[in-house]
Every structure is written in structure tokens, then in C-alpha cells.
Amino acid sequence: MTLRRVILTAIALACASVAWAHPAPFSYLDLHLDRDQLYGTLVVHDYDAAYEVRVERPDELLDPAVAARYQRQLVDVLRTRLGISANGRTLDPTWGAVEVLPDRQSLAFALDFDQPSPGAVHIDAVLFPYDPNHQTFINIYENGDLRHQAVIDARRATLDYFTGTTQGRWAVVETFVPSGVHHILIGPDHILFLVGLLLLGGSLPRLAGIVTAFTLGHSVTLSLAALDLVTPATSLVEPAIALTIVIVGVDNLLVRAQQPGSARLAGAGAGALNAGGAAVVGTDGPSDASAAASGPRDLRPWLAAVFGLIHGFGFAFVLKEFGLPRGALGWSLFSFNVGVEVGQLAIVVVIASGLALVRRRSAWLGERLALVGSLGVIAAGGYWFVERVWF
């Protein structure tokens, strides 16, 4: 026998030994959501069970008498590592007697939740943390039909599932509308983009229209990315988002440069002119009609819609990390977008009202604020662009 054959034989024997030592690092959870009952079955491999109860030979647990002796100890361990919630409420199932499955080298536990099927289920499970490669395969049934399959492990330990019922759709709305509000409010680049669009002022309906154009734009690309139809790299999307902020700030300066100083100050004193000349709601006096007639065209709705396409990819990255329910994809996308729109409109009301108040108090100060604010938007966007491209 050649040296090479000896080495290969040794490697094969070593691999076989390892495979025998830990043959299947898997568990299985079947969850049944029937109309009037929620129940399930958890199946764990004898090797993992033996490790937890310190049994030297895993196959000893395939003896029903031995398995029954260690049942309570196993349940105490698994109960702390398997978390299941229904409609936001943590459940404590009744664990049935252990069942030996010799052909699968496994042990099975029946789970009875003593409640009807919920609209939403949350599963949190790292059953055997001693093994970082351990996986739990999830099968979710609705009225006997397999509706969803997933794998959770140490890297992704949770799963959210929404049923196809009216209750399930409402649970999607309750989950994803607040998520949309939350993610627009914690995104400084998205907020700064909106602030840049608001700095030149305008009526509240006009500003709401600009923000809605932004929502329509990002809804398109958010949906495309969520469906995996278009998936640009993060390294391209994030710098592009920063660049949109810079462009909005520059556009503000160009619009201001094209407006006569008297028109800008008259508009500011009246409550704040937008780039097209419309007066803000709640002004102290009439708008300057001549300034409106001679002012440059307001491109902000178009900028919001077009650049919203880029920002949509940024939202998609966040939404994918949050986890999209494939069985309720349309409702989750719709609800998330509604939440984003609500958050954006809240920002409009706060920022636009504050800017209008400043302009009513001092036309000059309102003018300076638009200038300094636009320069600040450019500086922040430029910083993010450099950071995201080179660092």
C-alpha cells in the first residue's frame, strides 16, 4: 500500500469516526395551526439529548425505559431554550411523554398549547448551544396543509410566521406599520434627505405631496428588492443615498440663486415660499404674486420620486434583516410602506411648522436658516459619501 493510500484511508476513517460521533446535528419542530387548536411535535437527536443529560452512549436513550427516566431532565432543558409566542403572548405548552423513534435515532415530545390558532407565531430557539452547527428545521401547517418551512440556528435563532387568515393579516399590519415608522425615524440619512426637501418651505399640502412622491419612489424598489427581482450591492446603494442628499442641498442653493432677494424675503415674511412660490399654511400675509410668477420651477417632487428609487433599496436591506413573511409578502410590504409614510408625514409636520414659525418671526433669519441648512445637508451628505466609498 502506497503512502498516499495510507493517508487517504486514515482520513476516511477519521471522517467516519467523526460522523459516528455526531451523526446529525438537527432537530425538527412541527407546528400545527388548526382552526380550534394549536399543537406541535419536537424531535431531537439522541446524541444531543445524551449530551445534555450526560449519558455516555446515545443509543441507550433509544430504550423507552431509559428515555422515560431522563424525560423530566430533558424537558427542563428544552423548555428554557424553545420559546413560542402567539400574538405577542409567550406560551407555556404542556409537554407530552417522550416517544422513542429508533429508525431516526431520535426522541419526540408532543406539545399542547391549549388554545386556538393565533394570527401570528414567533419562534425563538437555539436548542443545543454547545454545537454551533446545530440546526432546527421548522414545518408549519395550517389546517393540515404544509404552509411554511424554515431553518433556524445560532446565526438566525428566530422565526415569525403570519397565518393566511384575517387575524393573521391584521397581525402583519400591527407588526410592520410600527416597524416602518421606526425605521424612518432611526435613519439619519433618510431624515436628512427629507429635511433638505423641506428647507425651501411650501404649503403643507405641497410638502406632503413631495413626501408622498418619495414614498411612491421607494415603494417600487423596496418591492423589487424584497421579491429578489433587483438586488444591487450595498456598496453601491449606500454611497448613492448619500449622493442624493448632496444633490438636494445643491438644488436648494441653485433655486435660491435664481430667486431675487426681495422675493425670497417677501416669501419668508409671508410664511415661506416653496421653490414654485406657494405660500405655507398659516401665513401672516399674502404671498408675493410676482415672485411666484417669476420663481423657478419646483423640482422637488421629481427629485423625491427619482431619488426615492435609490432610498428604497436602503429600506429593503433593513426589511430583509427584519424578516419578511413569505406567506404575507404583499401585506407586509404595504404595511411597512404605510408606516414609513406616517413617519415621514410626522417629520414634515414638525420640521415644516418649525421653519414656518422662524420665518414668521424673522424673514432674514428664515433666509439664513435655508442657506445654512442647505450647506449643512451638502456637508453631511458629502461626508457620508466619502465614508461609504473609501472607509
Protein backbone atom coordinates (compact mmCIF):
# COMPACT_ATOMS: atom_id res chain seq x y z
CA MET A 1 0.00 0.00 0.00
CA THR A 2 1.43 3.36 -1.03
CA LEU A 3 1.89 6.19 1.40
CA ARG A 4 -0.79 8.22 -0.37
CA ARG A 5 -3.32 5.39 0.00
CA VAL A 6 -2.47 5.05 3.68
CA ILE A 7 -3.08 8.77 4.23
CA LEU A 8 -6.40 8.71 2.36
CA THR A 9 -7.54 5.64 4.29
CA ALA A 10 -6.65 7.32 7.58
CA ILE A 11 -8.59 10.45 6.61
CA ALA A 12 -11.61 8.38 5.61
CA LEU A 13 -11.53 6.50 8.91
CA ALA A 14 -11.20 9.75 10.83
CA CYS A 15 -14.16 11.27 9.00
CA ALA A 16 -16.21 8.15 9.62
CA SER A 17 -15.32 8.33 13.29
CA VAL A 18 -16.38 11.97 13.49
CA ALA A 19 -19.60 11.24 11.61
CA TRP A 20 -20.37 8.40 14.03
CA ALA A 21 -19.57 10.60 16.99
CA HIS A 22 -22.01 13.32 15.93
CA PRO A 23 -24.03 11.98 13.01
CA ALA A 24 -26.87 14.51 12.69
CA PRO A 25 -26.82 17.94 14.38
CA PHE A 26 -30.51 18.51 13.60
CA SER A 27 -33.80 18.93 15.44
CA TYR A 28 -37.30 19.17 14.00
CA LEU A 29 -40.27 21.25 15.12
CA ASP A 30 -43.67 20.62 13.50
CA LEU A 31 -46.23 23.25 14.46
CA HIS A 32 -49.91 22.75 13.60
CA LEU A 33 -52.23 25.75 13.45
CA ASP A 34 -55.72 24.33 13.16
CA ARG A 35 -58.91 26.36 13.41
CA ASP A 36 -59.56 25.49 17.04
CA GLN A 37 -56.23 24.13 18.26
CA LEU A 38 -52.51 24.86 18.35
CA TYR A 39 -50.19 21.91 18.89
CA GLY A 40 -46.82 20.58 17.75
CA THR A 41 -44.08 17.99 17.96
CA LEU A 42 -40.40 18.50 18.80
CA VAL A 43 -37.94 15.82 17.65
CA VAL A 44 -34.34 15.83 18.94
CA HIS A 45 -31.46 13.53 18.06
CA ASP A 46 -30.34 11.03 20.69
CA TYR A 47 -26.75 12.36 20.54
CA ASP A 48 -27.83 15.90 21.52
CA ALA A 49 -30.15 14.57 24.21
CA ALA A 50 -27.40 12.32 25.60
CA TYR A 51 -25.01 15.26 25.79
CA GLU A 52 -27.47 17.29 27.86
CA VAL A 53 -28.26 14.53 30.37
CA ARG A 54 -24.67 13.18 30.47
CA VAL A 55 -25.46 9.73 29.09
CA GLU A 56 -22.26 8.21 27.71
CA ARG A 57 -23.83 6.14 24.94
CA PRO A 58 -26.57 7.99 23.00
CA ASP A 59 -28.23 4.77 21.85
CA GLU A 60 -29.11 3.99 25.48
CA LEU A 61 -31.81 6.65 25.19
CA LEU A 62 -33.49 4.62 22.46
CA ASP A 63 -34.63 2.26 25.21
CA PRO A 64 -38.10 3.60 26.21
CA ALA A 65 -37.45 2.88 29.87
CA VAL A 66 -34.18 4.83 29.86
CA ALA A 67 -35.76 7.68 27.87
CA ALA A 68 -38.61 7.90 30.35
CA ARG A 69 -36.10 8.09 33.22
CA TYR A 70 -34.46 11.18 31.69
CA GLN A 71 -37.66 12.76 30.35
CA ARG A 72 -38.08 15.37 33.07
CA GLN A 73 -34.45 16.45 32.86
CA LEU A 74 -34.68 16.81 29.08
CA VAL A 75 -37.93 18.77 29.24
CA ASP A 76 -36.44 21.15 31.81
CA VAL A 77 -33.56 21.85 29.43
CA LEU A 78 -35.62 22.19 26.25
CA ARG A 79 -38.32 24.32 27.88
CA THR A 80 -35.79 27.08 28.59
CA ARG A 81 -34.47 27.04 25.00
CA LEU A 82 -37.66 26.79 22.97
CA GLY A 83 -39.70 29.97 23.10
CA ILE A 84 -43.00 30.20 21.24
CA SER A 85 -45.26 33.26 21.32
CA ALA A 86 -48.73 33.71 19.86
CA ASN A 87 -49.98 37.20 19.02
CA GLY A 88 -47.22 38.63 21.21
CA ARG A 89 -48.04 36.45 24.23
CA THR A 90 -45.49 33.89 25.46
CA LEU A 91 -46.88 30.36 25.57
CA ASP A 92 -46.05 27.58 28.03
CA PRO A 93 -47.07 24.31 26.36
CA THR A 94 -47.81 21.04 28.07
CA TRP A 95 -45.07 18.55 27.20
CA GLY A 96 -46.25 15.04 26.45
CA ALA A 97 -44.50 11.80 27.34
CA VAL A 98 -41.25 11.15 25.48
CA GLU A 99 -41.57 8.87 22.45
CA VAL A 100 -38.61 6.89 21.12
CA LEU A 101 -38.06 6.90 17.34
CA PRO A 102 -35.43 4.18 16.80
CA ASP A 103 -35.39 4.46 12.99
CA ARG A 104 -34.49 8.16 13.30
CA GLN A 105 -32.26 7.75 16.36
CA SER A 106 -34.37 10.43 17.96
CA LEU A 107 -36.75 11.31 20.77
CA ALA A 108 -40.07 13.07 20.21
CA PHE A 109 -42.12 15.29 22.51
CA ALA A 110 -45.72 16.30 21.86
CA LEU A 111 -46.54 19.95 22.63
CA ASP A 112 -50.07 21.01 23.53
CA PHE A 113 -50.70 24.77 23.78
CA ASP A 114 -54.34 24.53 24.88
CA GLN A 115 -55.52 27.43 22.73
CA PRO A 116 -56.95 28.10 19.27
CA SER A 117 -54.77 29.01 16.32
CA PRO A 118 -53.30 32.54 16.56
CA GLY A 119 -52.76 35.04 13.73
CA ALA A 120 -49.02 35.33 14.36
CA VAL A 121 -46.44 32.97 15.80
CA HIS A 122 -42.92 33.84 16.94
CA ILE A 123 -40.38 31.05 17.47
CA ASP A 124 -37.09 31.58 19.31
CA ALA A 125 -34.90 28.50 19.52
CA VAL A 126 -31.25 27.64 19.97
CA LEU A 127 -31.88 24.18 21.35
CA PHE A 128 -28.32 22.90 21.71
CA PRO A 129 -25.90 25.84 22.00
CA TYR A 130 -22.94 23.54 22.71
CA ASP A 131 -22.93 22.80 18.96
CA PRO A 132 -22.70 25.99 16.84
CA ASN A 133 -23.65 24.00 13.74
CA HIS A 134 -26.87 22.65 15.17
CA GLN A 135 -29.98 23.47 13.13
CA THR A 136 -33.68 23.20 13.86
CA PHE A 137 -35.96 22.53 10.89
CA ILE A 138 -39.37 24.17 11.22
CA ASN A 139 -42.51 22.93 9.47
CA ILE A 140 -45.67 24.97 9.95
CA TYR A 141 -49.05 23.52 8.99
CA GLU A 142 -52.38 25.30 8.67
CA ASN A 143 -55.40 23.01 8.87
CA GLY A 144 -53.27 20.07 7.79
CA ASP A 145 -51.55 21.80 4.86
CA LEU A 146 -47.81 22.49 4.97
CA ARG A 147 -47.53 26.28 4.56
CA HIS A 148 -44.02 27.22 5.60
CA GLN A 149 -40.58 25.66 6.09
CA ALA A 150 -37.54 27.29 7.61
CA VAL A 151 -34.25 26.55 9.35
CA ILE A 152 -33.12 28.37 12.48
CA ASP A 153 -29.70 28.11 14.07
CA ALA A 154 -27.20 30.07 16.13
CA ARG A 155 -26.90 32.71 13.39
CA ARG A 156 -30.64 33.21 12.95
CA ALA A 157 -32.42 31.96 16.03
CA THR A 158 -35.91 33.38 15.45
CA LEU A 159 -38.80 32.95 13.05
CA ASP A 160 -42.01 34.93 12.62
CA TYR A 161 -44.99 33.40 10.86
CA PHE A 162 -48.32 35.02 9.99
CA THR A 163 -51.32 32.94 9.07
CA GLY A 164 -53.40 33.48 5.94
CA THR A 165 -56.47 34.40 7.99
CA THR A 166 -57.93 37.85 8.64
CA GLN A 167 -56.41 37.62 12.11
CA GLY A 168 -53.02 36.87 10.54
CA ARG A 169 -53.24 39.80 8.13
CA TRP A 170 -54.14 42.14 10.98
CA ALA A 171 -51.12 40.81 12.89
CA VAL A 172 -48.95 41.69 9.87
CA VAL A 173 -50.31 45.25 9.90
CA GLU A 174 -49.75 45.57 13.65
CA THR A 175 -46.15 44.41 13.21
CA PHE A 176 -44.99 46.18 10.06
CA VAL A 177 -46.65 49.60 10.34
CA PRO A 178 -44.76 50.39 13.59
CA SER A 179 -41.64 48.88 12.00
CA GLY A 180 -41.93 51.30 9.07
CA VAL A 181 -42.35 54.27 11.41
CA HIS A 182 -39.39 53.09 13.49
CA HIS A 183 -37.04 52.62 10.55
CA ILE A 184 -37.66 56.05 9.03
CA LEU A 185 -37.14 57.71 12.42
CA ILE A 186 -33.82 55.93 13.08
CA GLY A 187 -32.41 56.52 9.59
CA PRO A 188 -30.42 59.78 9.76
CA ASP A 189 -29.65 59.80 6.03
CA HIS A 190 -33.32 59.38 5.07
CA ILE A 191 -34.35 62.08 7.56
CA LEU A 192 -31.70 64.50 6.28
CA PHE A 193 -32.88 63.91 2.71
CA LEU A 194 -36.39 64.89 3.80
CA VAL A 195 -35.12 67.92 5.69
CA GLY A 196 -33.30 69.04 2.54
CA LEU A 197 -36.58 68.85 0.63
CA LEU A 198 -38.33 70.97 3.28
CA LEU A 199 -35.83 73.78 3.68
CA LEU A 200 -37.28 75.96 0.91
CA GLY A 201 -40.70 75.82 2.51
CA GLY A 202 -44.10 75.47 0.89
CA SER A 203 -47.69 74.79 1.85
CA LEU A 204 -48.32 71.70 3.94
CA PRO A 205 -50.26 70.02 1.09
CA ARG A 206 -47.35 70.76 -1.24
CA LEU A 207 -44.81 69.35 1.21
CA ALA A 208 -47.00 66.32 1.88
CA GLY A 209 -47.12 65.73 -1.89
CA ILE A 210 -43.33 65.85 -2.07
CA VAL A 211 -43.02 63.28 0.70
CA THR A 212 -45.66 61.08 -0.92
CA ALA A 213 -43.68 61.19 -4.19
CA PHE A 214 -40.69 59.98 -2.18
CA THR A 215 -42.81 57.15 -0.76
CA LEU A 216 -44.02 56.11 -4.23
CA GLY A 217 -40.44 56.02 -5.47
CA HIS A 218 -39.01 53.93 -2.66
CA SER A 219 -42.05 51.62 -2.64
CA VAL A 220 -41.19 50.47 -6.17
CA THR A 221 -37.60 49.47 -5.46
CA LEU A 222 -38.41 48.20 -1.97
CA SER A 223 -40.86 45.74 -3.52
CA LEU A 224 -38.47 44.73 -6.29
CA ALA A 225 -35.68 44.08 -3.80
CA ALA A 226 -37.95 42.25 -1.35
CA LEU A 227 -39.01 39.94 -4.19
CA ASP A 228 -35.34 39.43 -5.12
CA LEU A 229 -36.01 40.76 -8.62
CA VAL A 230 -33.42 43.54 -8.31
CA THR A 231 -30.72 43.28 -5.67
CA PRO A 232 -27.95 45.88 -6.05
CA ALA A 233 -24.96 45.67 -3.76
CA THR A 234 -24.99 47.63 -0.51
CA SER A 235 -21.63 49.11 -1.52
CA LEU A 236 -23.41 50.87 -4.40
CA VAL A 237 -26.69 51.79 -2.72
CA GLU A 238 -25.33 53.44 0.43
CA PRO A 239 -23.00 55.91 -1.35
CA ALA A 240 -25.81 56.64 -3.83
CA ILE A 241 -28.13 57.56 -0.96
CA ALA A 242 -25.50 59.95 0.39
CA LEU A 243 -25.16 61.48 -3.08
CA THR A 244 -28.92 62.16 -3.28
CA ILE A 245 -28.61 64.20 -0.10
CA VAL A 246 -25.83 66.27 -1.63
CA ILE A 247 -27.84 66.89 -4.80
CA VAL A 248 -30.91 68.05 -2.86
CA GLY A 249 -28.79 70.56 -0.95
CA VAL A 250 -27.17 71.83 -4.14
CA ASP A 251 -30.59 72.17 -5.79
CA ASN A 252 -31.72 74.32 -2.88
CA LEU A 253 -28.78 76.66 -3.41
CA LEU A 254 -29.43 76.87 -7.16
CA VAL A 255 -33.10 77.70 -6.59
CA ARG A 256 -32.17 80.40 -4.10
CA ALA A 257 -29.63 81.84 -6.53
CA GLN A 258 -32.33 82.17 -9.21
CA GLN A 259 -34.76 83.98 -6.89
CA PRO A 260 -34.38 87.73 -6.36
CA GLY A 261 -33.51 88.57 -2.79
CA SER A 262 -36.65 90.65 -2.36
CA ALA A 263 -38.83 87.72 -3.48
CA ARG A 264 -37.11 85.40 -1.04
CA LEU A 265 -37.56 87.80 1.87
CA ALA A 266 -41.15 88.63 0.94
CA GLY A 267 -41.97 84.95 0.74
CA ALA A 268 -40.24 84.24 4.02
CA GLY A 269 -42.13 87.06 5.71
CA ALA A 270 -45.41 85.68 4.37
CA GLY A 271 -44.68 82.32 5.89
CA ALA A 272 -42.20 80.66 3.46
CA LEU A 273 -42.37 80.29 -0.28
CA ASN A 274 -41.61 76.99 -1.85
CA ALA A 275 -39.48 76.89 -4.97
CA GLY A 276 -42.62 77.34 -7.09
CA GLY A 277 -43.94 80.24 -5.00
CA ALA A 278 -46.77 78.61 -2.97
CA ALA A 279 -47.38 80.09 0.47
CA VAL A 280 -47.24 78.00 3.65
CA VAL A 281 -50.45 77.30 5.55
CA GLY A 282 -50.83 79.69 8.44
CA THR A 283 -49.02 82.68 6.90
CA ASP A 284 -49.22 86.18 8.30
CA GLY A 285 -49.90 87.87 4.96
CA PRO A 286 -50.43 87.32 1.25
CA SER A 287 -47.72 85.75 -0.83
CA ASP A 288 -45.75 87.76 -3.32
CA ALA A 289 -47.56 87.02 -6.58
CA SER A 290 -44.82 88.48 -8.75
CA ALA A 291 -42.25 86.24 -7.06
CA ALA A 292 -44.50 83.26 -7.67
CA ALA A 293 -44.75 84.13 -11.32
CA SER A 294 -41.04 84.65 -11.80
CA GLY A 295 -39.75 81.92 -9.46
CA PRO A 296 -38.02 78.83 -10.82
CA ARG A 297 -39.94 75.62 -11.29
CA ASP A 298 -40.19 73.44 -8.19
CA LEU A 299 -38.39 70.18 -8.99
CA ARG A 300 -38.61 68.73 -5.51
CA PRO A 301 -41.46 66.27 -6.24
CA TRP A 302 -39.44 64.86 -9.15
CA LEU A 303 -36.26 64.70 -7.08
CA ALA A 304 -38.18 62.96 -4.29
CA ALA A 305 -39.69 60.38 -6.64
CA VAL A 306 -36.49 59.61 -8.56
CA PHE A 307 -34.21 59.56 -5.53
CA GLY A 308 -36.83 57.59 -3.64
CA LEU A 309 -35.99 54.72 -6.00
CA ILE A 310 -32.48 54.68 -4.54
CA HIS A 311 -33.60 55.03 -0.93
CA GLY A 312 -35.99 52.11 -1.45
CA PHE A 313 -33.06 49.73 -1.79
CA GLY A 314 -31.74 51.01 1.53
CA PHE A 315 -35.10 50.26 3.19
CA ALA A 316 -35.06 46.81 1.61
CA PHE A 317 -31.76 45.91 3.29
CA VAL A 318 -33.27 46.77 6.67
CA LEU A 319 -36.54 44.99 5.95
CA LYS A 320 -34.79 41.80 4.89
CA GLU A 321 -32.85 41.77 8.15
CA PHE A 322 -36.13 42.21 9.99
CA GLY A 323 -37.55 39.22 8.12
CA LEU A 324 -40.33 39.14 5.55
CA PRO A 325 -43.17 36.64 5.91
CA ARG A 326 -43.35 34.98 2.50
CA GLY A 327 -46.94 33.93 3.10
CA ALA A 328 -47.99 37.55 3.65
CA LEU A 329 -45.47 39.39 1.50
CA GLY A 330 -47.94 41.83 -0.05
CA TRP A 331 -49.45 42.82 3.27
CA SER A 332 -46.07 43.19 4.95
CA LEU A 333 -44.71 45.44 2.17
CA PHE A 334 -47.89 47.53 2.15
CA SER A 335 -47.89 47.89 5.93
CA PHE A 336 -44.20 48.76 6.07
CA ASN A 337 -44.69 51.48 3.44
CA VAL A 338 -47.68 52.87 5.32
CA GLY A 339 -45.53 53.08 8.42
CA VAL A 340 -42.75 54.84 6.53
CA GLU A 341 -45.27 57.34 5.12
CA VAL A 342 -46.71 58.02 8.57
CA GLY A 343 -43.22 58.62 9.95
CA GLN A 344 -42.34 60.91 7.06
CA LEU A 345 -45.51 62.96 7.44
CA ALA A 346 -44.76 63.35 11.15
CA ILE A 347 -41.32 64.70 10.22
CA VAL A 348 -42.93 67.09 7.71
CA VAL A 349 -45.34 68.47 10.30
CA VAL A 350 -42.61 69.06 12.88
CA ILE A 351 -39.90 70.45 10.58
CA ALA A 352 -42.19 72.50 8.31
CA SER A 353 -44.03 74.01 11.26
CA GLY A 354 -40.74 74.94 12.91
CA LEU A 355 -39.40 76.54 9.72
CA ALA A 356 -42.64 78.45 9.18
CA LEU A 357 -42.54 79.75 12.75
CA VAL A 358 -38.97 81.01 12.29
CA ARG A 359 -39.89 82.75 9.03
CA ARG A 360 -42.92 84.44 10.55
CA ARG A 361 -40.76 85.80 13.34
CA SER A 362 -37.89 86.95 11.11
CA ALA A 363 -37.72 86.87 7.32
CA TRP A 364 -33.96 87.40 7.43
CA LEU A 365 -33.45 84.56 9.90
CA GLY A 366 -35.62 82.26 7.78
CA GLU A 367 -33.48 83.11 4.76
CA ARG A 368 -30.25 82.40 6.67
CA LEU A 369 -31.68 79.15 8.01
CA ALA A 370 -32.45 77.88 4.49
CA LEU A 371 -28.93 78.79 3.36
CA VAL A 372 -27.09 77.31 6.34
CA GLY A 373 -29.35 74.29 6.39
CA SER A 374 -28.68 73.55 2.72
CA LEU A 375 -24.94 73.87 3.26
CA GLY A 376 -25.23 71.52 6.25
CA VAL A 377 -27.14 68.98 4.14
CA ILE A 378 -24.42 69.10 1.48
CA ALA A 379 -21.67 68.71 4.07
CA ALA A 380 -23.33 65.74 5.80
CA GLY A 381 -24.16 64.02 2.52
CA GLY A 382 -20.63 64.58 1.27
CA TYR A 383 -19.17 63.16 4.47
CA TRP A 384 -21.34 60.03 4.23
CA PHE A 385 -20.44 59.61 0.58
CA VAL A 386 -16.70 59.71 1.28
CA GLU A 387 -17.08 57.44 4.31
CA ARG A 388 -19.14 54.87 2.42
CA VAL A 389 -16.89 54.79 -0.63
CA TRP A 390 -13.43 54.85 0.92
CA PHE A 391 -13.87 53.70 4.53
